[in-house]
Amino acid sequence: MATPNLPNEQATKATLRSLTRGGVTPGDVNPPVDYAIMVNAISTTSGILELSVPTGNTSFVISGSNGLNSAVITGTSTGTNVNGLISALANTALSGQTFFVNAGGANYLNGTTTSIIVPSGAVLTVVSATGTAPTITAAAATGTEANAYPSYVGTPNATPNWVDDATGHSYQVGYAGQLVINNNGTLSGANVVQTQIRQIFTGNGPDGGSQTQQYAGYFASYSGNLTQTGQKRTYRQQS
């Protein structure tokens, strides 16, 4: 168990959530991507390349580090769609390499940012463009995989999922805000707890998922009624 660092953990997960276009949910991942792929990639140097295509672009050429022909992409609103990008990269700039593209449900590349998850050491660059040139930048997490996913790092058979995304790891806090420590006065992995730190859309609740506000209002009303009832049960009134 890595030493908890909740700020870094939340920063890492926020970065990953932005790359998965909103993060993960219990019933479904939107878009449907393998969360483990994203966790592995964000923990690798230049493992996730962000292709941002401006609305003023007509076409551009992506070159890869494999020495093969470059991919010519049409970036207009009616030009190359995401599947076209995948085919172009597979036949040229990323030929012979396993990669993954996550466009967040977008159809065409125009005015969008697309995540391209590439193997370690793979390089993509925009070498020429007609119109406003797109950019390709490497995404990087501010924290570490060990902080964000301590139950997964170094354990190939463990798969991170939406539970990991919605929770954080910290030492237990006990009486008067003091950390719960071992009998010998030290902290260890046994003192670490994993608790929910993010509201998630579950699809349940009176309004189909965004249950916090409605339930909060209900509890506020219920609590008020309890208080009023309690006021009637005074010794003076009952005597």
Protein backbone atom coordinates (compact mmCIF):
# COMPACT_ATOMS: atom_id res chain seq x y z
CA MET A 1 0.00 0.00 0.00
CA ALA A 2 1.48 3.31 -1.08
CA THR A 3 1.49 6.26 1.29
CA PRO A 4 -1.85 8.07 0.74
CA ASN A 5 -1.66 11.41 -1.04
CA LEU A 6 -5.27 12.42 -1.61
CA PRO A 7 -4.57 15.70 -3.50
CA ASN A 8 -2.40 13.87 -6.04
CA GLU A 9 -4.88 11.03 -6.23
CA GLN A 10 -7.78 13.36 -7.00
CA ALA A 11 -5.70 15.30 -9.54
CA THR A 12 -4.75 12.08 -11.33
CA LYS A 13 -8.34 10.87 -11.47
CA ALA A 14 -9.61 14.28 -12.60
CA THR A 15 -7.11 14.22 -15.47
CA LEU A 16 -8.14 10.71 -16.44
CA ARG A 17 -11.82 11.63 -16.16
CA SER A 18 -11.33 14.51 -18.58
CA LEU A 19 -9.73 12.14 -21.07
CA THR A 20 -12.60 9.68 -20.83
CA ARG A 21 -14.98 12.58 -21.51
CA GLY A 22 -16.69 12.58 -18.14
CA GLY A 23 -15.42 9.49 -16.40
CA VAL A 24 -17.04 6.22 -15.56
CA THR A 25 -20.38 5.26 -14.07
CA PRO A 26 -21.55 2.07 -12.33
CA GLY A 27 -23.77 0.77 -15.11
CA ASP A 28 -21.95 1.96 -18.15
CA VAL A 29 -18.80 3.69 -19.30
CA ASN A 30 -19.52 6.64 -21.57
CA PRO A 31 -17.87 6.37 -23.97
CA PRO A 32 -17.45 2.59 -23.63
CA VAL A 33 -13.72 2.29 -23.12
CA ASP A 34 -11.70 -0.08 -21.03
CA TYR A 35 -10.84 1.88 -17.91
CA ALA A 36 -7.76 -0.27 -17.33
CA ILE A 37 -6.39 0.81 -20.71
CA MET A 38 -6.67 4.45 -19.71
CA VAL A 39 -5.07 3.89 -16.30
CA ASN A 40 -2.12 2.11 -17.87
CA ALA A 41 -1.73 4.75 -20.55
CA ILE A 42 -1.86 7.79 -18.26
CA SER A 43 0.85 6.12 -16.15
CA THR A 44 3.12 5.83 -19.19
CA THR A 45 5.14 8.73 -20.58
CA SER A 46 3.33 10.03 -23.67
CA GLY A 47 0.97 7.07 -23.50
CA ILE A 48 -2.05 9.24 -24.34
CA LEU A 49 -1.75 11.71 -27.21
CA GLU A 50 -4.46 14.35 -27.52
CA LEU A 51 -5.30 15.31 -31.12
CA SER A 52 -7.14 18.65 -31.18
CA VAL A 53 -8.58 19.61 -34.56
CA PRO A 54 -9.77 23.24 -34.86
CA THR A 55 -12.87 24.17 -36.81
CA GLY A 56 -10.75 26.11 -39.34
CA ASN A 57 -8.85 23.05 -40.52
CA THR A 58 -9.25 21.59 -44.01
CA SER A 59 -6.76 18.72 -43.99
CA PHE A 60 -3.56 17.69 -42.26
CA VAL A 61 -0.86 15.05 -42.35
CA ILE A 62 0.17 12.98 -39.33
CA SER A 63 3.58 11.38 -39.32
CA GLY A 64 4.65 8.53 -37.06
CA SER A 65 8.01 7.36 -35.77
CA ASN A 66 7.82 4.04 -37.63
CA GLY A 67 9.24 5.47 -40.86
CA LEU A 68 6.22 4.52 -42.97
CA ASN A 69 4.07 6.82 -45.06
CA SER A 70 2.17 9.52 -43.21
CA ALA A 71 -1.59 9.58 -42.70
CA VAL A 72 -3.48 12.24 -44.63
CA ILE A 73 -6.57 13.34 -42.67
CA THR A 74 -9.45 15.60 -43.72
CA GLY A 75 -10.47 17.62 -40.70
CA THR A 76 -13.59 19.46 -41.84
CA SER A 77 -17.02 18.84 -40.35
CA THR A 78 -17.92 16.47 -43.19
CA GLY A 79 -14.44 15.04 -43.58
CA THR A 80 -12.70 12.18 -41.83
CA ASN A 81 -14.68 10.52 -39.06
CA VAL A 82 -13.18 8.68 -36.11
CA ASN A 83 -13.19 5.32 -37.88
CA GLY A 84 -11.40 6.96 -40.79
CA LEU A 85 -8.72 8.24 -38.44
CA ILE A 86 -8.24 4.76 -37.00
CA SER A 87 -7.90 3.21 -40.45
CA ALA A 88 -5.49 5.90 -41.62
CA LEU A 89 -3.24 5.51 -38.58
CA ALA A 90 -3.36 1.71 -38.76
CA ASN A 91 -2.22 1.75 -42.38
CA THR A 92 0.49 4.37 -41.96
CA ALA A 93 1.72 6.25 -38.89
CA LEU A 94 0.89 3.49 -36.38
CA SER A 95 1.09 0.50 -38.70
CA GLY A 96 1.99 -2.71 -36.91
CA GLN A 97 1.35 -1.21 -33.47
CA THR A 98 -1.55 -1.75 -31.09
CA PHE A 99 -3.31 1.52 -30.31
CA PHE A 100 -6.70 2.74 -29.13
CA VAL A 101 -8.73 5.82 -30.06
CA ASN A 102 -11.25 7.47 -27.77
CA ALA A 103 -13.21 10.34 -29.30
CA GLY A 104 -15.84 10.60 -26.60
CA GLY A 105 -18.74 9.76 -28.88
CA ALA A 106 -17.79 12.32 -31.53
CA ASN A 107 -18.31 11.41 -35.17
CA TYR A 108 -16.12 13.82 -37.13
CA LEU A 109 -12.80 15.24 -35.99
CA ASN A 110 -13.72 18.84 -36.73
CA GLY A 111 -13.70 20.97 -33.57
CA THR A 112 -12.98 18.01 -31.29
CA THR A 113 -10.19 16.55 -29.19
CA THR A 114 -9.48 12.87 -29.64
CA SER A 115 -7.39 10.71 -27.32
CA ILE A 116 -5.02 8.31 -29.06
CA ILE A 117 -3.59 5.73 -26.68
CA VAL A 118 -0.28 4.56 -28.13
CA PRO A 119 2.43 2.08 -27.13
CA SER A 120 5.43 3.29 -25.20
CA GLY A 121 7.85 5.10 -27.48
CA ALA A 122 5.36 5.78 -30.28
CA VAL A 123 5.42 9.33 -31.61
CA LEU A 124 2.84 11.21 -33.69
CA THR A 125 3.36 14.68 -35.13
CA VAL A 126 1.46 16.98 -37.49
CA VAL A 127 3.91 17.65 -40.33
CA SER A 128 1.73 19.76 -42.60
CA ALA A 129 -1.75 21.21 -42.73
CA THR A 130 -4.15 23.16 -44.93
CA GLY A 131 -5.95 25.76 -42.87
CA THR A 132 -5.49 26.00 -39.11
CA ALA A 133 -3.10 23.27 -38.00
CA PRO A 134 -4.20 20.72 -35.37
CA THR A 135 -2.07 20.00 -32.33
CA ILE A 136 -0.93 16.75 -30.78
CA THR A 137 0.03 16.94 -27.12
CA ALA A 138 0.89 14.25 -24.59
CA ALA A 139 -1.43 13.99 -21.60
CA ALA A 140 0.24 13.65 -18.22
CA ALA A 141 -1.05 13.07 -14.71
CA THR A 142 0.13 15.26 -11.86
CA GLY A 143 0.05 12.37 -9.39
CA THR A 144 1.21 8.78 -9.60
CA GLU A 145 -0.47 5.48 -10.32
CA ALA A 146 0.63 4.20 -6.91
CA ASN A 147 -1.24 7.04 -5.18
CA ALA A 148 -4.37 6.87 -7.32
CA TYR A 149 -4.67 3.09 -7.72
CA PRO A 150 -2.71 1.43 -4.89
CA SER A 151 -4.71 -1.80 -5.18
CA TYR A 152 -3.87 -2.05 -8.88
CA VAL A 153 -0.30 -0.87 -9.44
CA GLY A 154 2.10 -3.79 -9.52
CA THR A 155 -0.80 -6.25 -9.61
CA PRO A 156 -1.45 -7.20 -13.25
CA ASN A 157 -4.54 -9.27 -12.44
CA ALA A 158 -6.38 -6.45 -10.67
CA THR A 159 -8.54 -4.24 -12.89
CA PRO A 160 -9.45 -0.65 -11.91
CA ASN A 161 -13.11 0.20 -12.34
CA TRP A 162 -15.66 2.88 -11.50
CA VAL A 163 -15.30 2.20 -7.77
CA ASP A 164 -11.67 3.33 -7.92
CA ASP A 165 -12.67 6.43 -9.87
CA ALA A 166 -15.21 7.55 -7.25
CA THR A 167 -13.13 6.87 -4.15
CA GLY A 168 -9.98 8.12 -2.47
CA HIS A 169 -7.43 6.63 -0.08
CA SER A 170 -6.45 8.24 3.20
CA TYR A 171 -5.46 7.37 6.73
CA GLN A 172 -8.30 6.82 9.17
CA VAL A 173 -9.23 9.83 11.26
CA GLY A 174 -10.43 9.20 14.78
CA TYR A 175 -11.33 11.19 17.87
CA ALA A 176 -10.66 14.94 17.75
CA GLY A 177 -9.32 14.67 14.22
CA GLN A 178 -6.36 12.52 15.23
CA LEU A 179 -5.05 9.82 12.89
CA VAL A 180 -5.71 6.24 13.95
CA ILE A 181 -2.28 4.66 14.45
CA ASN A 182 -0.94 1.23 15.33
CA ASN A 183 -0.15 0.18 18.89
CA ASN A 184 3.53 0.90 18.25
CA GLY A 185 2.73 4.49 17.24
CA THR A 186 3.28 3.99 13.49
CA LEU A 187 1.11 4.20 10.38
CA SER A 188 0.86 1.36 7.86
CA GLY A 189 -1.34 0.08 5.10
CA ALA A 190 -3.69 -1.31 7.72
CA ASN A 191 -4.57 2.26 8.70
CA VAL A 192 -5.64 3.25 5.16
CA VAL A 193 -9.32 3.42 4.22
CA GLN A 194 -10.95 3.83 0.81
CA THR A 195 -14.03 6.04 0.88
CA GLN A 196 -16.28 7.69 -1.70
CA ILE A 197 -15.24 11.23 -2.55
CA ARG A 198 -17.27 11.88 -5.71
CA GLN A 199 -20.99 11.84 -6.39
CA ILE A 200 -21.72 9.39 -9.20
CA PHE A 201 -24.68 8.99 -11.53
CA THR A 202 -26.28 5.69 -10.59
CA GLY A 203 -29.58 5.89 -12.45
CA ASN A 204 -31.49 5.50 -9.18
CA GLY A 205 -33.32 8.02 -7.05
CA PRO A 206 -36.49 10.08 -7.50
CA ASP A 207 -35.15 12.03 -10.46
CA GLY A 208 -33.36 9.20 -12.26
CA GLY A 209 -29.91 9.60 -10.79
CA SER A 210 -29.20 13.11 -9.52
CA GLN A 211 -30.49 12.09 -6.14
CA THR A 212 -28.39 14.25 -3.84
CA GLN A 213 -30.40 17.47 -4.03
CA GLN A 214 -33.84 15.89 -3.75
CA TYR A 215 -32.84 13.58 -0.95
CA ALA A 216 -31.06 16.44 0.81
CA GLY A 217 -34.27 18.46 0.70
CA TYR A 218 -36.26 15.53 2.02
CA PHE A 219 -33.88 14.98 4.92
CA ALA A 220 -33.92 18.69 5.75
CA SER A 221 -37.72 18.62 5.94
CA TYR A 222 -37.72 15.37 7.91
CA SER A 223 -35.14 16.70 10.34
CA GLY A 224 -37.21 19.85 10.86
CA ASN A 225 -40.28 17.80 11.69
CA LEU A 226 -38.34 15.78 14.21
CA THR A 227 -37.15 18.96 15.89
CA GLN A 228 -40.66 20.37 16.12
CA THR A 229 -41.99 17.10 17.53
CA GLY A 230 -39.22 17.08 20.06
CA GLN A 231 -40.12 20.57 21.21
CA LYS A 232 -43.62 19.41 22.10
CA ARG A 233 -42.26 16.71 24.35
CA THR A 234 -41.07 19.00 27.08
CA TYR A 235 -41.57 18.26 30.73
CA ARG A 236 -43.73 21.38 31.09
CA GLN A 237 -46.11 20.38 28.29
CA GLN A 238 -46.43 16.80 29.44
CA SER A 239 -47.08 17.64 33.07
